[in-house]
């Protein structure tokens, strides 16, 4: 398999596999330099250059491309960590207390964006319903919140609304009709 005719297809397929792998995997430009290096080797194979030269060009172009993309990859990775994953995305967000948080290890209820979460006070102090809080941490299915100084009207959030009462199912009603 030393003929450039065979290697041109090997390099093209290798480049395509690395390019598809880069697009299919989360991460920051790990397979892209390999795809670029294989593409450079494929171009040389079509030009009729020897296989040894193709390999050298593949390695050099891969290393240079990797070095060129590394600063961008680091910057993208650093900014991605700030967003949080899953419930961690709530950290730092503001919310409104729906049900008093009595303090210590007792649980209340807050609304953050459109979601309602069980909440606990970060410093153990009680937080009344209607107060604006900021999420300090997420622990399991509850958020740890700290009170902010902004009242509900200043924060632009509507006051908390109690959910409407739920009617019992017809089988449990005590209607005498």
N, C-alpha and C. Protein backbone atom coordinates (compact mmCIF):
# COMPACT_ATOMS: atom_id res chain seq x y z
N UNK A 1 0.84 -1.19 0.00
CA UNK A 1 0.00 0.00 0.00
C UNK A 1 0.88 1.25 0.00
N UNK A 2 1.88 1.24 -0.83
CA UNK A 2 2.79 2.39 -0.91
C UNK A 2 2.47 3.32 -2.06
N UNK A 3 1.46 3.02 -2.84
CA UNK A 3 1.18 3.88 -3.98
C UNK A 3 0.36 5.09 -3.54
N UNK A 4 0.69 6.26 -4.07
CA UNK A 4 -0.07 7.47 -3.72
C UNK A 4 -1.54 7.38 -4.11
N UNK A 5 -1.86 6.56 -5.13
CA UNK A 5 -3.26 6.43 -5.54
C UNK A 5 -4.12 5.84 -4.43
N UNK A 6 -3.58 4.87 -3.72
CA UNK A 6 -4.33 4.26 -2.62
C UNK A 6 -4.38 5.21 -1.41
N UNK A 7 -3.28 5.88 -1.15
CA UNK A 7 -3.21 6.73 0.03
C UNK A 7 -4.10 7.96 -0.09
N UNK A 8 -4.35 8.42 -1.31
CA UNK A 8 -5.22 9.59 -1.42
C UNK A 8 -6.60 9.29 -0.84
N UNK A 9 -7.12 8.09 -1.06
CA UNK A 9 -8.45 7.74 -0.54
C UNK A 9 -8.38 7.46 0.97
N UNK A 10 -7.27 6.89 1.40
CA UNK A 10 -7.09 6.68 2.84
C UNK A 10 -7.10 8.02 3.57
N UNK A 11 -6.38 9.00 3.03
CA UNK A 11 -6.33 10.32 3.66
C UNK A 11 -7.68 11.03 3.63
N UNK A 12 -8.40 10.91 2.53
CA UNK A 12 -9.72 11.56 2.43
C UNK A 12 -10.69 10.94 3.42
N UNK A 13 -10.71 9.62 3.50
CA UNK A 13 -11.61 8.94 4.43
C UNK A 13 -11.21 9.28 5.87
N UNK A 14 -9.91 9.29 6.14
CA UNK A 14 -9.43 9.63 7.49
C UNK A 14 -9.84 11.06 7.86
N UNK A 15 -9.68 11.98 6.93
CA UNK A 15 -10.07 13.36 7.18
C UNK A 15 -11.56 13.47 7.45
N UNK A 16 -12.37 12.77 6.66
CA UNK A 16 -13.82 12.81 6.85
C UNK A 16 -14.22 12.21 8.21
N UNK A 17 -13.59 11.11 8.59
CA UNK A 17 -13.92 10.48 9.88
C UNK A 17 -13.57 11.42 11.03
N UNK A 18 -12.40 12.03 10.98
CA UNK A 18 -12.02 12.97 12.04
C UNK A 18 -12.93 14.19 12.07
N UNK A 19 -13.32 14.69 10.90
CA UNK A 19 -14.21 15.86 10.85
C UNK A 19 -15.58 15.52 11.43
N UNK A 20 -16.13 14.38 11.05
CA UNK A 20 -17.42 13.96 11.61
C UNK A 20 -17.30 13.71 13.11
N UNK A 21 -16.20 13.11 13.53
CA UNK A 21 -15.98 12.88 14.96
C UNK A 21 -15.89 14.18 15.74
N UNK A 22 -15.26 15.19 15.16
CA UNK A 22 -15.18 16.50 15.82
C UNK A 22 -16.56 17.11 16.00
N UNK A 23 -17.39 16.98 14.98
CA UNK A 23 -18.74 17.55 15.06
C UNK A 23 -19.64 16.76 15.99
N UNK A 24 -19.41 15.48 16.12
CA UNK A 24 -20.29 14.62 16.91
C UNK A 24 -19.95 14.58 18.39
N UNK A 25 -18.76 14.99 18.76
CA UNK A 25 -18.36 14.91 20.17
C UNK A 25 -18.27 16.29 20.77
N UNK A 26 -18.74 16.41 22.03
CA UNK A 26 -18.55 17.69 22.70
C UNK A 26 -17.09 17.85 23.07
N UNK A 27 -16.63 19.02 22.96
CA UNK A 27 -15.23 19.26 23.27
C UNK A 27 -14.73 20.43 22.46
N UNK A 28 -13.46 20.65 22.57
CA UNK A 28 -12.92 21.85 21.94
C UNK A 28 -11.78 21.52 21.01
N UNK A 29 -12.09 21.23 19.77
CA UNK A 29 -11.12 21.12 18.70
C UNK A 29 -10.02 20.10 18.96
N UNK A 30 -10.39 18.89 19.35
CA UNK A 30 -9.37 17.86 19.53
C UNK A 30 -9.17 17.07 18.24
N UNK A 31 -10.25 16.74 17.55
CA UNK A 31 -10.13 15.95 16.32
C UNK A 31 -9.97 16.82 15.07
N UNK A 32 -10.32 18.08 15.15
CA UNK A 32 -10.22 18.98 13.99
C UNK A 32 -8.79 19.08 13.46
N UNK A 33 -7.77 19.22 14.30
CA UNK A 33 -6.41 19.27 13.75
C UNK A 33 -6.03 18.00 12.99
N UNK A 34 -6.50 16.85 13.45
CA UNK A 34 -6.22 15.60 12.75
C UNK A 34 -6.90 15.60 11.38
N UNK A 35 -8.12 16.13 11.33
CA UNK A 35 -8.84 16.21 10.05
C UNK A 35 -8.11 17.14 9.08
N UNK A 36 -7.61 18.26 9.57
CA UNK A 36 -6.89 19.21 8.72
C UNK A 36 -5.58 18.59 8.23
N UNK A 37 -4.88 17.90 9.13
CA UNK A 37 -3.63 17.24 8.74
C UNK A 37 -3.86 16.16 7.69
N UNK A 38 -4.92 15.37 7.85
CA UNK A 38 -5.22 14.33 6.87
C UNK A 38 -5.63 14.95 5.53
N UNK A 39 -6.33 16.07 5.57
CA UNK A 39 -6.71 16.74 4.33
C UNK A 39 -5.47 17.27 3.60
N UNK A 40 -4.50 17.81 4.34
CA UNK A 40 -3.26 18.28 3.72
C UNK A 40 -2.51 17.11 3.10
N UNK A 41 -2.48 15.97 3.78
CA UNK A 41 -1.82 14.79 3.23
C UNK A 41 -2.55 14.29 1.99
N UNK A 42 -3.89 14.37 1.98
CA UNK A 42 -4.66 13.95 0.81
C UNK A 42 -4.33 14.83 -0.39
N UNK A 43 -4.19 16.13 -0.17
CA UNK A 43 -3.85 17.04 -1.27
C UNK A 43 -2.49 16.66 -1.85
N UNK A 44 -1.54 16.34 -0.97
CA UNK A 44 -0.21 15.93 -1.46
C UNK A 44 -0.28 14.59 -2.18
N UNK A 45 -1.15 13.69 -1.72
CA UNK A 45 -1.30 12.40 -2.39
C UNK A 45 -1.84 12.59 -3.80
N UNK A 46 -2.77 13.52 -3.98
CA UNK A 46 -3.29 13.80 -5.32
C UNK A 46 -2.23 14.46 -6.20
N UNK A 47 -1.25 15.13 -5.56
CA UNK A 47 -0.17 15.76 -6.31
C UNK A 47 0.93 14.76 -6.67
N UNK A 48 0.81 13.52 -6.14
CA UNK A 48 1.78 12.48 -6.48
C UNK A 48 3.01 12.45 -5.60
N UNK A 49 2.97 13.07 -4.43
CA UNK A 49 4.10 13.09 -3.51
C UNK A 49 4.20 11.72 -2.83
N UNK A 50 5.37 11.36 -2.39
CA UNK A 50 5.60 10.07 -1.74
C UNK A 50 4.86 9.95 -0.40
N UNK A 51 4.63 8.72 0.01
CA UNK A 51 3.86 8.44 1.23
C UNK A 51 4.60 8.95 2.47
N UNK A 52 5.93 8.81 2.50
CA UNK A 52 6.70 9.27 3.66
C UNK A 52 6.52 10.78 3.84
N UNK A 53 6.53 11.52 2.74
CA UNK A 53 6.34 12.98 2.81
C UNK A 53 4.93 13.31 3.28
N UNK A 54 3.96 12.54 2.82
CA UNK A 54 2.57 12.75 3.26
C UNK A 54 2.44 12.60 4.76
N UNK A 55 3.10 11.57 5.31
CA UNK A 55 3.04 11.35 6.76
C UNK A 55 3.69 12.50 7.53
N UNK A 56 4.81 12.98 7.03
CA UNK A 56 5.48 14.10 7.70
C UNK A 56 4.59 15.34 7.66
N UNK A 57 3.99 15.62 6.52
CA UNK A 57 3.10 16.78 6.39
C UNK A 57 1.88 16.60 7.29
N UNK A 58 1.33 15.38 7.33
CA UNK A 58 0.19 15.11 8.22
C UNK A 58 0.55 15.45 9.67
N UNK A 59 1.69 14.99 10.15
CA UNK A 59 2.09 15.24 11.53
C UNK A 59 2.35 16.72 11.80
N UNK A 60 3.07 17.38 10.88
CA UNK A 60 3.41 18.79 11.07
C UNK A 60 2.15 19.66 11.05
N UNK A 61 1.29 19.45 10.06
CA UNK A 61 0.07 20.26 9.96
C UNK A 61 -0.84 20.00 11.16
N UNK A 62 -0.92 18.77 11.62
CA UNK A 62 -1.74 18.45 12.79
C UNK A 62 -1.23 19.20 14.02
N UNK A 63 0.08 19.16 14.25
CA UNK A 63 0.65 19.83 15.43
C UNK A 63 0.47 21.35 15.34
N UNK A 64 0.70 21.93 14.17
CA UNK A 64 0.55 23.38 14.00
C UNK A 64 -0.91 23.79 14.19
N UNK A 65 -1.83 23.02 13.61
CA UNK A 65 -3.26 23.35 13.76
C UNK A 65 -3.70 23.21 15.21
N UNK A 66 -3.22 22.17 15.87
CA UNK A 66 -3.56 21.99 17.28
C UNK A 66 -3.06 23.17 18.11
N UNK A 67 -1.83 23.60 17.87
CA UNK A 67 -1.27 24.75 18.60
C UNK A 67 -2.03 26.03 18.29
N UNK A 68 -2.49 26.18 17.07
CA UNK A 68 -3.23 27.39 16.70
C UNK A 68 -4.63 27.43 17.31
N UNK A 69 -5.26 26.27 17.43
CA UNK A 69 -6.63 26.23 17.95
C UNK A 69 -6.69 26.13 19.48
N UNK A 70 -5.59 25.80 20.13
CA UNK A 70 -5.61 25.59 21.58
C UNK A 70 -6.04 26.83 22.36
N UNK A 71 -5.57 28.04 22.06
CA UNK A 71 -6.04 29.21 22.82
C UNK A 71 -7.55 29.42 22.69
N UNK A 72 -8.08 29.23 21.50
CA UNK A 72 -9.52 29.36 21.30
C UNK A 72 -10.27 28.29 22.09
N UNK A 73 -9.76 27.08 22.09
CA UNK A 73 -10.40 25.99 22.84
C UNK A 73 -10.41 26.29 24.33
N UNK A 74 -9.32 26.80 24.86
CA UNK A 74 -9.27 27.14 26.29
C UNK A 74 -10.28 28.23 26.63
N UNK A 75 -10.36 29.24 25.78
CA UNK A 75 -11.30 30.34 26.02
C UNK A 75 -12.74 29.83 25.99
N UNK A 76 -13.07 28.98 25.04
CA UNK A 76 -14.41 28.42 24.96
C UNK A 76 -14.72 27.52 26.16
N UNK A 77 -13.75 26.72 26.58
CA UNK A 77 -13.95 25.86 27.74
C UNK A 77 -14.15 26.68 29.01
N UNK A 78 -13.40 27.74 29.15
CA UNK A 78 -13.50 28.58 30.35
C UNK A 78 -14.87 29.25 30.42
N UNK A 79 -15.39 29.73 29.31
CA UNK A 79 -16.70 30.38 29.33
C UNK A 79 -17.82 29.37 29.49
N UNK A 80 -17.63 28.15 29.06
CA UNK A 80 -18.68 27.13 29.19
C UNK A 80 -18.86 26.71 30.65
N UNK A 81 -17.83 26.77 31.45
CA UNK A 81 -17.94 26.37 32.86
C UNK A 81 -18.82 27.32 33.65
N UNK A 82 -18.90 28.58 33.23
CA UNK A 82 -19.69 29.56 33.96
C UNK A 82 -21.19 29.30 33.85
N UNK A 83 -21.61 28.65 32.81
CA UNK A 83 -23.03 28.47 32.57
C UNK A 83 -23.67 27.45 33.52
N UNK A 84 -22.95 26.47 33.93
CA UNK A 84 -23.54 25.44 34.78
C UNK A 84 -24.30 24.42 33.96
N UNK A 85 -24.47 23.28 34.54
CA UNK A 85 -25.16 22.20 33.85
C UNK A 85 -26.32 21.76 34.72
N UNK A 86 -27.45 21.47 34.12
CA UNK A 86 -28.61 21.00 34.86
C UNK A 86 -29.09 22.07 35.82
N UNK A 87 -29.36 21.67 37.06
CA UNK A 87 -29.85 22.60 38.06
C UNK A 87 -28.78 23.62 38.47
N UNK A 88 -27.51 23.33 38.22
CA UNK A 88 -26.43 24.27 38.56
C UNK A 88 -26.57 25.59 37.80
N UNK A 89 -27.32 25.59 36.71
CA UNK A 89 -27.51 26.81 35.94
C UNK A 89 -28.24 27.87 36.77
N UNK A 90 -28.91 27.45 37.85
CA UNK A 90 -29.68 28.38 38.68
C UNK A 90 -28.80 29.22 39.59
N UNK A 91 -27.59 28.78 39.86
CA UNK A 91 -26.71 29.49 40.79
C UNK A 91 -26.50 30.92 40.33
N UNK A 92 -26.79 31.86 41.21
CA UNK A 92 -26.67 33.28 40.92
C UNK A 92 -27.96 33.92 40.44
N UNK A 93 -28.96 33.13 40.07
CA UNK A 93 -30.24 33.69 39.60
C UNK A 93 -31.06 34.23 40.76
N UNK A 94 -31.96 35.14 40.45
CA UNK A 94 -32.88 35.69 41.44
C UNK A 94 -34.18 34.93 41.43
N UNK A 95 -34.85 34.94 42.56
CA UNK A 95 -36.14 34.29 42.67
C UNK A 95 -37.00 34.98 43.71
N UNK A 96 -38.26 34.59 43.80
CA UNK A 96 -39.21 35.14 44.75
C UNK A 96 -39.65 34.05 45.70
N UNK A 97 -39.65 34.36 46.98
CA UNK A 97 -40.09 33.38 47.98
C UNK A 97 -41.61 33.26 47.90
N UNK A 98 -42.10 32.05 47.69
CA UNK A 98 -43.54 31.80 47.63
C UNK A 98 -44.10 31.40 48.99
N UNK A 99 -43.35 30.59 49.71
CA UNK A 99 -43.75 30.14 51.05
C UNK A 99 -42.59 30.43 51.99
N UNK A 100 -42.90 31.03 53.14
CA UNK A 100 -41.86 31.43 54.10
C UNK A 100 -40.79 30.36 54.26
N UNK A 101 -39.54 30.83 54.36
CA UNK A 101 -38.43 29.95 54.71
C UNK A 101 -38.15 30.23 56.18
N UNK A 102 -38.57 29.33 57.10
CA UNK A 102 -38.48 29.61 58.53
C UNK A 102 -37.06 29.80 59.05
N UNK A 103 -36.07 29.26 58.42
CA UNK A 103 -34.71 29.39 58.89
C UNK A 103 -34.14 28.05 59.28
N UNK A 104 -32.87 28.07 59.72
CA UNK A 104 -32.12 26.86 60.05
C UNK A 104 -32.23 25.84 58.93
N UNK A 105 -32.63 24.63 59.21
CA UNK A 105 -32.68 23.58 58.18
C UNK A 105 -34.10 23.39 57.65
N UNK A 106 -34.99 24.34 57.93
CA UNK A 106 -36.36 24.20 57.48
C UNK A 106 -36.50 24.66 56.03
N UNK A 107 -37.51 24.12 55.37
CA UNK A 107 -37.67 24.31 53.94
C UNK A 107 -38.86 25.22 53.63
N UNK A 108 -38.66 26.12 52.67
CA UNK A 108 -39.73 26.95 52.13
C UNK A 108 -39.84 26.68 50.65
N UNK A 109 -40.43 27.62 49.92
CA UNK A 109 -40.62 27.44 48.48
C UNK A 109 -40.30 28.75 47.77
N UNK A 110 -39.54 28.66 46.66
CA UNK A 110 -39.21 29.84 45.86
C UNK A 110 -39.54 29.57 44.39
N UNK A 111 -39.75 30.67 43.66
CA UNK A 111 -39.94 30.59 42.21
C UNK A 111 -38.74 31.24 41.57
N UNK A 112 -38.07 30.47 40.71
CA UNK A 112 -36.92 30.98 39.97
C UNK A 112 -37.27 30.82 38.50
N UNK A 113 -37.32 31.94 37.81
CA UNK A 113 -37.84 31.97 36.45
C UNK A 113 -39.26 31.42 36.48
N UNK A 114 -39.51 30.30 35.83
CA UNK A 114 -40.86 29.72 35.84
C UNK A 114 -40.94 28.45 36.67
N UNK A 115 -39.88 28.13 37.37
CA UNK A 115 -39.83 26.89 38.13
C UNK A 115 -39.98 27.16 39.62
N UNK A 116 -40.64 26.23 40.31
CA UNK A 116 -40.75 26.33 41.76
C UNK A 116 -39.81 25.30 42.38
N UNK A 117 -39.05 25.76 43.39
CA UNK A 117 -38.06 24.92 44.04
C UNK A 117 -38.23 24.98 45.55
N UNK A 118 -37.95 23.85 46.20
CA UNK A 118 -37.84 23.85 47.66
C UNK A 118 -36.59 24.64 48.00
N UNK A 119 -36.67 25.45 49.06
CA UNK A 119 -35.56 26.34 49.35
C UNK A 119 -35.22 26.34 50.82
N UNK A 120 -33.95 26.61 51.08
CA UNK A 120 -33.43 26.69 52.44
C UNK A 120 -32.57 27.96 52.52
N UNK A 121 -32.60 28.61 53.68
CA UNK A 121 -31.83 29.84 53.86
C UNK A 121 -30.35 29.52 53.97
N UNK A 122 -29.51 30.30 53.30
CA UNK A 122 -28.07 30.08 53.31
C UNK A 122 -27.46 30.35 54.68
N UNK A 123 -27.94 31.41 55.36
CA UNK A 123 -27.35 31.76 56.65
C UNK A 123 -28.22 31.35 57.83
N UNK A 124 -29.30 30.65 57.58
CA UNK A 124 -30.16 30.17 58.66
C UNK A 124 -31.18 31.17 59.14
N UNK A 125 -31.21 32.37 58.55
CA UNK A 125 -32.18 33.37 58.98
C UNK A 125 -33.51 33.16 58.25
N UNK A 126 -34.62 33.52 58.89
CA UNK A 126 -35.92 33.36 58.22
C UNK A 126 -36.07 34.36 57.07
N UNK A 127 -36.75 33.91 56.03
CA UNK A 127 -37.01 34.77 54.87
C UNK A 127 -38.51 34.72 54.60
N UNK A 128 -39.20 35.87 54.64
CA UNK A 128 -40.66 35.87 54.47
C UNK A 128 -41.07 35.70 53.00
N UNK A 129 -42.32 35.30 52.80
CA UNK A 129 -42.87 35.18 51.45
C UNK A 129 -42.86 36.55 50.79
N UNK A 130 -42.56 36.59 49.51
CA UNK A 130 -42.51 37.84 48.76
C UNK A 130 -41.12 38.43 48.67
N UNK A 131 -40.18 37.94 49.47
CA UNK A 131 -38.82 38.48 49.45
C UNK A 131 -38.10 38.01 48.19
N UNK A 132 -37.18 38.83 47.74
CA UNK A 132 -36.34 38.48 46.60
C UNK A 132 -35.07 37.83 47.13
N UNK A 133 -34.72 36.69 46.54
CA UNK A 133 -33.54 35.95 46.98
C UNK A 133 -32.64 35.65 45.78
N UNK A 134 -31.40 35.34 46.08
CA UNK A 134 -30.44 34.93 45.06
C UNK A 134 -29.98 33.52 45.40
N UNK A 135 -29.92 32.64 44.40
CA UNK A 135 -29.52 31.25 44.60
C UNK A 135 -28.02 31.20 44.85
N UNK A 136 -27.63 30.65 46.01
CA UNK A 136 -26.23 30.51 46.35
C UNK A 136 -25.69 29.13 45.98
N UNK A 137 -26.56 28.11 46.04
CA UNK A 137 -26.11 26.75 45.77
C UNK A 137 -27.32 25.89 45.44
N UNK A 138 -27.08 24.75 44.85
CA UNK A 138 -28.12 23.77 44.59
C UNK A 138 -27.66 22.47 45.23
N UNK A 139 -28.51 21.92 46.10
CA UNK A 139 -28.20 20.66 46.77
C UNK A 139 -29.35 19.70 46.55
N UNK A 140 -29.15 18.79 45.63
CA UNK A 140 -30.20 17.82 45.33
C UNK A 140 -31.40 18.50 44.71
N UNK A 141 -32.55 18.38 45.39
CA UNK A 141 -33.79 18.95 44.86
C UNK A 141 -34.17 20.25 45.55
N UNK A 142 -33.23 20.90 46.20
CA UNK A 142 -33.52 22.18 46.84
C UNK A 142 -32.41 23.17 46.54
N UNK A 143 -32.79 24.43 46.62
CA UNK A 143 -31.83 25.49 46.40
C UNK A 143 -31.51 26.16 47.73
N UNK A 144 -30.30 26.59 47.89
CA UNK A 144 -29.87 27.34 49.06
C UNK A 144 -29.86 28.80 48.62
N UNK A 145 -30.64 29.64 49.31
CA UNK A 145 -30.83 31.02 48.87
C UNK A 145 -30.40 32.01 49.94
N UNK A 146 -30.03 33.20 49.50
CA UNK A 146 -29.70 34.31 50.38
C UNK A 146 -30.59 35.48 50.00
N UNK A 147 -31.07 36.18 51.00
CA UNK A 147 -31.97 37.31 50.75
C UNK A 147 -31.21 38.47 50.15
N UNK A 148 -31.84 39.14 49.18
CA UNK A 148 -31.28 40.36 48.63
C UNK A 148 -32.06 41.52 49.22
N UNK A 149 -31.56 42.71 49.03
CA UNK A 149 -32.19 43.88 49.63
C UNK A 149 -33.32 44.46 48.80
N UNK A 150 -33.42 44.04 47.53
CA UNK A 150 -34.44 44.62 46.64
C UNK A 150 -35.81 44.05 46.95
N UNK A 151 -36.81 44.92 47.25
CA UNK A 151 -38.16 44.42 47.44
C UNK A 151 -38.76 43.96 46.12
N UNK A 152 -39.88 43.29 46.17
CA UNK A 152 -40.52 42.71 44.99
C UNK A 152 -40.81 43.77 43.94
N UNK A 153 -41.35 44.92 44.32
CA UNK A 153 -41.74 45.95 43.35
C UNK A 153 -40.51 46.48 42.60
N UNK A 154 -39.37 46.64 43.28
CA UNK A 154 -38.18 47.17 42.62
C UNK A 154 -37.56 46.15 41.68
N UNK A 155 -37.69 44.88 41.99
CA UNK A 155 -37.07 43.86 41.16
C UNK A 155 -37.85 43.62 39.87
N UNK A 156 -39.06 44.18 39.77
CA UNK A 156 -39.85 44.01 38.58
C UNK A 156 -40.54 42.66 38.49
N UNK A 157 -40.58 41.94 39.59
CA UNK A 157 -41.23 40.63 39.60
C UNK A 157 -42.62 40.75 40.18
N UNK A 158 -43.57 40.00 39.69
CA UNK A 158 -44.91 40.05 40.27
C UNK A 158 -44.90 39.41 41.66
N UNK A 159 -45.80 39.86 42.54
CA UNK A 159 -45.85 39.25 43.86
C UNK A 159 -46.27 37.78 43.74
N UNK A 160 -45.88 36.97 44.71
CA UNK A 160 -46.21 35.55 44.64
C UNK A 160 -47.72 35.34 44.68
N UNK A 161 -48.17 34.35 43.96
CA UNK A 161 -49.59 34.02 43.90
C UNK A 161 -49.77 32.60 44.43
N UNK A 162 -50.72 32.43 45.36
CA UNK A 162 -50.99 31.09 45.86
C UNK A 162 -51.66 30.29 44.76
N UNK A 163 -51.32 29.01 44.65
CA UNK A 163 -51.96 28.20 43.62
C UNK A 163 -53.44 28.01 43.95
N UNK A 164 -54.28 27.89 42.91
CA UNK A 164 -55.72 27.70 43.17
C UNK A 164 -55.96 26.36 43.86
N UNK A 165 -57.02 26.31 44.68
CA UNK A 165 -57.31 25.04 45.36
C UNK A 165 -57.71 23.98 44.34
N UNK A 166 -57.35 22.76 44.65
CA UNK A 166 -57.65 21.64 43.76
C UNK A 166 -58.90 20.94 44.28
N UNK A 167 -59.88 20.74 43.38
CA UNK A 167 -61.09 20.03 43.77
C UNK A 167 -60.78 18.55 43.93
N UNK A 168 -61.37 17.91 44.96
CA UNK A 168 -61.14 16.48 45.11
C UNK A 168 -61.83 15.72 43.98
N UNK A 169 -61.36 14.53 43.67
CA UNK A 169 -62.01 13.75 42.62
C UNK A 169 -63.45 13.45 42.98
N UNK A 170 -64.30 13.19 41.98
CA UNK A 170 -65.72 12.97 42.22
C UNK A 170 -65.99 11.84 43.23
N UNK A 171 -65.12 10.86 43.30
CA UNK A 171 -65.35 9.74 44.21
C UNK A 171 -65.19 10.13 45.67
N UNK A 172 -64.47 11.26 45.96
CA UNK A 172 -64.23 11.66 47.32
C UNK A 172 -65.12 12.82 47.76
N UNK A 173 -65.95 13.34 46.88
CA UNK A 173 -66.81 14.46 47.24
C UNK A 173 -67.94 13.97 48.16
N UNK A 174 -68.34 14.86 49.02
CA UNK A 174 -69.42 14.51 49.94
C UNK A 174 -70.70 15.25 49.55
N UNK A 175 -70.96 15.35 48.27
CA UNK A 175 -72.17 16.00 47.79
C UNK A 175 -73.37 15.08 48.03
N UNK A 176 -74.44 15.63 48.55
CA UNK A 176 -75.64 14.81 48.78
C UNK A 176 -76.70 15.21 47.76
N UNK A 177 -76.57 14.77 46.55
CA UNK A 177 -77.54 15.08 45.51
C UNK A 177 -78.20 13.84 45.00
